[in-house]
Amino acid sequence: MIEIWTDIYIARGAKHIKTKDLRKNINYIPFVFKKHQIDSLQFSESNLYYTSRIDDYEKIFLEVEKRLKEKKDIYNPKSELDSIIEKDKEIHSKDFE
C-alpha cells in the first residue's frame, strides 16, 4: 500500500502539469493501478481494510510522506549555484539597509 499511495500522490500532482504536447488534466491513476497489477476495486478493498486499522494506516502515510520528500529531494536538489546566488543576494541586500 505504501508504494501504491506514493504513486497515487505523484499521479495526482502530475495531473496539473502540462505534457510535452501541452495537454494537462490527465488522469494517471489507472497507470498506477496497472503498474501495481491491481484494479480500483482491489485498491478500495485494501484501503477500507487499512482504514479500520488506524494505527497501521497512519504508519503507511508517514512512510508515504517520507518517500515523497526523498523523491522531491532527488528531483529538486538545491544546487551549489543556488546557494551561491542566495549568499550573493544576502550580501547585496545588506548594502541597501
C-alpha atoms as a PDB file:
ATOM      1  CA  MET A   1       0.000   0.000   0.000  1.00  0.00           C
ATOM      2  CA  ILE A   2       2.886   2.352   0.677  1.00  0.00           C
ATOM      3  CA  GLU A   3       4.147   2.124  -2.895  1.00  0.00           C
ATOM      4  CA  ILE A   4       0.654   2.455  -4.320  1.00  0.00           C
ATOM      5  CA  TRP A   5      -0.205   5.527  -2.229  1.00  0.00           C
ATOM      6  CA  THR A   6       3.155   7.107  -3.068  1.00  0.00           C
ATOM      7  CA  ASP A   7       2.453   6.654  -6.765  1.00  0.00           C
ATOM      8  CA  ILE A   8      -1.118   7.937  -6.350  1.00  0.00           C
ATOM      9  CA  TYR A   9       0.122  11.171  -4.802  1.00  0.00           C
ATOM     10  CA  ILE A  10       2.620  11.615  -7.623  1.00  0.00           C
ATOM     11  CA  ALA A  11      -0.092  10.870 -10.198  1.00  0.00           C
ATOM     12  CA  ARG A  12      -2.452  13.370  -8.595  1.00  0.00           C
ATOM     13  CA  GLY A  13       0.242  16.037  -8.645  1.00  0.00           C
ATOM     14  CA  ALA A  14       1.120  15.296 -12.257  1.00  0.00           C
ATOM     15  CA  LYS A  15      -2.474  15.791 -13.340  1.00  0.00           C
ATOM     16  CA  HIS A  16      -1.999  19.556 -13.488  1.00  0.00           C
ATOM     17  CA  ILE A  17       1.397  19.518 -15.201  1.00  0.00           C
ATOM     18  CA  LYS A  18       1.446  20.079 -18.946  1.00  0.00           C
ATOM     19  CA  THR A  19       2.810  17.288 -21.117  1.00  0.00           C
ATOM     20  CA  LYS A  20       5.208  17.858 -23.996  1.00  0.00           C
ATOM     21  CA  ASP A  21       2.241  18.334 -26.296  1.00  0.00           C
ATOM     22  CA  LEU A  22       0.772  20.888 -23.818  1.00  0.00           C
ATOM     23  CA  ARG A  23      -2.058  18.673 -22.548  1.00  0.00           C
ATOM     24  CA  LYS A  24      -2.980  18.629 -18.879  1.00  0.00           C
ATOM     25  CA  ASN A  25      -5.710  17.316 -16.571  1.00  0.00           C
ATOM     26  CA  ILE A  26      -4.720  13.761 -17.454  1.00  0.00           C
ATOM     27  CA  ASN A  27      -5.855  11.092 -15.008  1.00  0.00           C
ATOM     28  CA  TYR A  28      -2.769   8.980 -14.279  1.00  0.00           C
ATOM     29  CA  ILE A  29      -4.411   6.833 -11.569  1.00  0.00           C
ATOM     30  CA  PRO A  30      -5.229   3.978 -14.000  1.00  0.00           C
ATOM     31  CA  PHE A  31      -1.495   3.795 -14.795  1.00  0.00           C
ATOM     32  CA  VAL A  32      -0.760   3.409 -11.080  1.00  0.00           C
ATOM     33  CA  PHE A  33      -3.197   0.514 -10.827  1.00  0.00           C
ATOM     34  CA  LYS A  34      -1.729  -1.085 -13.931  1.00  0.00           C
ATOM     35  CA  LYS A  35       1.825  -0.691 -12.590  1.00  0.00           C
ATOM     36  CA  HIS A  36       0.865  -2.454  -9.365  1.00  0.00           C
ATOM     37  CA  GLN A  37      -1.312  -5.016 -11.169  1.00  0.00           C
ATOM     38  CA  ILE A  38      -4.486  -4.156  -9.279  1.00  0.00           C
ATOM     39  CA  ASP A  39      -7.810  -2.613 -10.159  1.00  0.00           C
ATOM     40  CA  SER A  40      -9.789   0.115  -8.436  1.00  0.00           C
ATOM     41  CA  LEU A  41     -11.930  -2.427  -6.554  1.00  0.00           C
ATOM     42  CA  GLN A  42      -8.881  -4.213  -5.121  1.00  0.00           C
ATOM     43  CA  PHE A  43      -7.423  -0.886  -4.103  1.00  0.00           C
ATOM     44  CA  SER A  44     -10.682   0.235  -2.463  1.00  0.00           C
ATOM     45  CA  GLU A  45     -11.000  -3.022  -0.530  1.00  0.00           C
ATOM     46  CA  SER A  46      -7.404  -2.839   0.698  1.00  0.00           C
ATOM     47  CA  ASN A  47      -7.812   0.803   1.593  1.00  0.00           C
ATOM     48  CA  LEU A  48     -11.004   0.036   3.518  1.00  0.00           C
ATOM     49  CA  TYR A  49      -9.182  -2.684   5.444  1.00  0.00           C
ATOM     50  CA  TYR A  50      -6.399  -0.302   6.469  1.00  0.00           C
ATOM     51  CA  THR A  51      -8.813   2.460   7.427  1.00  0.00           C
ATOM     52  CA  SER A  52     -10.228   0.054  10.005  1.00  0.00           C
ATOM     53  CA  ARG A  53      -6.712  -0.353  11.406  1.00  0.00           C
ATOM     54  CA  ILE A  54      -5.951   3.309  12.025  1.00  0.00           C
ATOM     55  CA  ASP A  55      -2.531   2.742  13.614  1.00  0.00           C
ATOM     56  CA  ASP A  56      -1.342   0.800  10.558  1.00  0.00           C
ATOM     57  CA  TYR A  57      -2.944   3.357   8.241  1.00  0.00           C
ATOM     58  CA  GLU A  58      -1.081   6.174   9.970  1.00  0.00           C
ATOM     59  CA  LYS A  59       2.221   4.291   9.615  1.00  0.00           C
ATOM     60  CA  ILE A  60       1.533   3.851   5.914  1.00  0.00           C
ATOM     61  CA  PHE A  61       1.056   7.573   5.385  1.00  0.00           C
ATOM     62  CA  LEU A  62       4.077   8.520   7.470  1.00  0.00           C
ATOM     63  CA  GLU A  63       6.163   6.295   5.204  1.00  0.00           C
ATOM     64  CA  VAL A  64       4.448   7.707   2.092  1.00  0.00           C
ATOM     65  CA  GLU A  65       5.283  11.225   3.265  1.00  0.00           C
ATOM     66  CA  LYS A  66       8.902  10.224   3.870  1.00  0.00           C
ATOM     67  CA  ARG A  67       9.216   8.694   0.402  1.00  0.00           C
ATOM     68  CA  LEU A  68       7.658  11.716  -1.276  1.00  0.00           C
ATOM     69  CA  LYS A  69      10.106  14.022   0.498  1.00  0.00           C
ATOM     70  CA  GLU A  70      13.003  11.806  -0.611  1.00  0.00           C
ATOM     71  CA  LYS A  71      11.773  11.899  -4.199  1.00  0.00           C
ATOM     72  CA  LYS A  72      11.387  15.663  -4.015  1.00  0.00           C
ATOM     73  CA  ASP A  73      14.984  15.996  -2.837  1.00  0.00           C
ATOM     74  CA  ILE A  74      16.172  13.780  -5.690  1.00  0.00           C
ATOM     75  CA  TYR A  75      14.270  15.632  -8.403  1.00  0.00           C
ATOM     76  CA  ASN A  76      14.607  19.151  -6.981  1.00  0.00           C
ATOM     77  CA  PRO A  77      18.044  19.237  -5.403  1.00  0.00           C
ATOM     78  CA  LYS A  78      19.277  22.583  -4.272  1.00  0.00           C
ATOM     79  CA  SER A  79      22.341  23.138  -6.362  1.00  0.00           C
ATOM     80  CA  GLU A  80      25.561  24.694  -5.202  1.00  0.00           C
ATOM     81  CA  LEU A  81      24.864  27.554  -7.607  1.00  0.00           C
ATOM     82  CA  ASP A  82      21.562  28.254  -5.812  1.00  0.00           C
ATOM     83  CA  SER A  83      23.467  28.582  -2.540  1.00  0.00           C
ATOM     84  CA  ILE A  84      25.945  30.990  -4.098  1.00  0.00           C
ATOM     85  CA  ILE A  85      23.147  33.108  -5.585  1.00  0.00           C
ATOM     86  CA  GLU A  86      21.316  33.267  -2.243  1.00  0.00           C
ATOM     87  CA  LYS A  87      24.503  34.259  -0.425  1.00  0.00           C
ATOM     88  CA  ASP A  88      25.130  36.968  -3.013  1.00  0.00           C
ATOM     89  CA  LYS A  89      21.588  38.299  -2.517  1.00  0.00           C
ATOM     90  CA  GLU A  90      22.163  38.426   1.236  1.00  0.00           C
ATOM     91  CA  ILE A  91      25.369  40.403   0.806  1.00  0.00           C
ATOM     92  CA  HIS A  92      23.810  42.877  -1.617  1.00  0.00           C
ATOM     93  CA  SER A  93      20.639  43.340   0.404  1.00  0.00           C
ATOM     94  CA  LYS A  94      22.760  44.454   3.354  1.00  0.00           C
ATOM     95  CA  ASP A  95      24.242  47.190   1.146  1.00  0.00           C
ATOM     96  CA  PHE A  96      20.781  48.786   0.922  1.00  0.00           C
ATOM     97  CA  GLU A  97      19.922  48.692   4.621  1.00  0.00           C
END
